[in-house]
């Protein structure tokens, strides 16, 4: 779950103020959120295990290189205190 400290740190990483955050239902492995900034919309996945989202990032990069199907652009990946995150377009 995102807390105030995580949101502040994420704003610094994205170099943009986060104006709105909505929890997104549907997945059962990672907590997901829809973020809005002044200039864009971001899909954010979070999970305590860094390896899970690191593997997803790796897989998205591999799929993207094939140029066979559209994949979301990876905006950022990292850690926010005790959770890892993957920010996508």
Protein backbone atom coordinates (compact mmCIF):
# COMPACT_ATOMS: atom_id res chain seq x y z
CA UNK A 1 0.00 0.00 0.00
CA UNK A 2 1.23 3.47 -0.86
CA UNK A 3 1.69 5.89 2.01
CA UNK A 4 2.44 9.62 2.06
CA UNK A 5 6.20 9.03 2.20
CA UNK A 6 6.06 6.66 -0.80
CA UNK A 7 4.00 9.13 -2.82
CA UNK A 8 6.42 11.96 -2.06
CA UNK A 9 9.43 9.82 -3.04
CA UNK A 10 7.70 8.65 -6.22
CA UNK A 11 6.97 12.28 -7.19
CA UNK A 12 10.69 13.01 -6.89
CA UNK A 13 11.59 9.98 -9.01
CA UNK A 14 9.07 10.92 -11.70
CA UNK A 15 10.04 14.59 -11.43
CA UNK A 16 6.33 15.44 -11.36
CA UNK A 17 3.76 16.15 -8.69
CA UNK A 18 1.19 13.37 -8.40
CA UNK A 19 -2.22 15.03 -8.49
CA UNK A 20 -4.47 12.00 -8.10
CA UNK A 21 -4.13 8.34 -7.15
CA UNK A 22 -6.74 5.63 -7.62
CA UNK A 23 -6.40 2.01 -6.61
CA UNK A 24 -7.02 -0.33 -9.55
CA UNK A 25 -8.67 -3.71 -8.97
CA UNK A 26 -8.16 -6.82 -11.05
CA UNK A 27 -4.77 -8.24 -10.22
CA UNK A 28 -4.14 -10.60 -7.35
CA UNK A 29 -0.35 -10.53 -7.15
CA UNK A 30 0.61 -6.83 -7.13
CA UNK A 31 -1.18 -3.75 -5.83
CA UNK A 32 -1.92 -1.47 -8.77
CA UNK A 33 -2.70 2.22 -9.04
CA UNK A 34 -3.66 4.79 -11.65
CA UNK A 35 -1.68 8.02 -11.15
CA UNK A 36 -2.36 11.39 -12.72
CA UNK A 37 0.15 14.19 -13.04
CA UNK A 38 -0.19 17.49 -14.87
CA UNK A 39 1.31 16.02 -18.05
CA UNK A 40 0.47 12.31 -18.10
CA UNK A 41 -1.28 9.26 -16.73
CA UNK A 42 0.74 6.42 -15.20
CA UNK A 43 -0.07 2.83 -14.32
CA UNK A 44 1.82 1.84 -11.18
CA UNK A 45 2.36 -1.69 -9.86
CA UNK A 46 3.80 -2.32 -6.40
CA UNK A 47 4.93 -5.47 -4.62
CA UNK A 48 7.13 -6.27 -1.60
CA UNK A 49 9.40 -8.57 -3.65
CA UNK A 50 11.69 -6.68 -6.00
CA UNK A 51 12.32 -9.81 -8.09
CA UNK A 52 8.70 -10.07 -9.23
CA UNK A 53 8.52 -6.63 -10.83
CA UNK A 54 12.11 -6.86 -12.04
CA UNK A 55 11.13 -9.99 -13.99
CA UNK A 56 8.08 -8.22 -15.41
CA UNK A 57 10.25 -5.29 -16.51
CA UNK A 58 12.69 -7.70 -18.15
CA UNK A 59 9.86 -9.52 -19.95
CA UNK A 60 8.29 -6.29 -21.20
CA UNK A 61 11.67 -5.19 -22.57
CA UNK A 62 12.13 -8.52 -24.38
CA UNK A 63 8.64 -8.39 -25.91
CA UNK A 64 9.14 -4.76 -26.93
CA UNK A 65 12.33 -5.61 -28.81
CA UNK A 66 10.47 -8.08 -31.05
CA UNK A 67 8.29 -5.24 -32.38
CA UNK A 68 5.45 -7.76 -32.85
CA UNK A 69 2.95 -6.39 -30.32
CA UNK A 70 2.57 -3.10 -28.50
CA UNK A 71 3.93 -3.01 -24.98
CA UNK A 72 3.64 -0.23 -22.42
CA UNK A 73 6.64 2.05 -22.08
CA UNK A 74 8.49 1.60 -18.80
CA UNK A 75 8.67 4.97 -17.09
CA UNK A 76 10.47 3.95 -13.90
CA UNK A 77 11.38 0.97 -11.75
CA UNK A 78 12.78 0.91 -8.23
CA UNK A 79 12.14 0.71 -4.49
CA UNK A 80 10.06 2.89 -2.20
CA UNK A 81 11.12 1.99 1.33
CA UNK A 82 9.79 -1.59 1.72
CA UNK A 83 8.04 -1.99 -1.65
CA UNK A 84 9.24 -2.18 -5.22
CA UNK A 85 7.42 -0.42 -8.03
CA UNK A 86 7.04 -0.49 -11.79
CA UNK A 87 5.61 2.63 -13.45
CA UNK A 88 4.21 2.18 -16.96
CA UNK A 89 2.69 4.50 -19.56
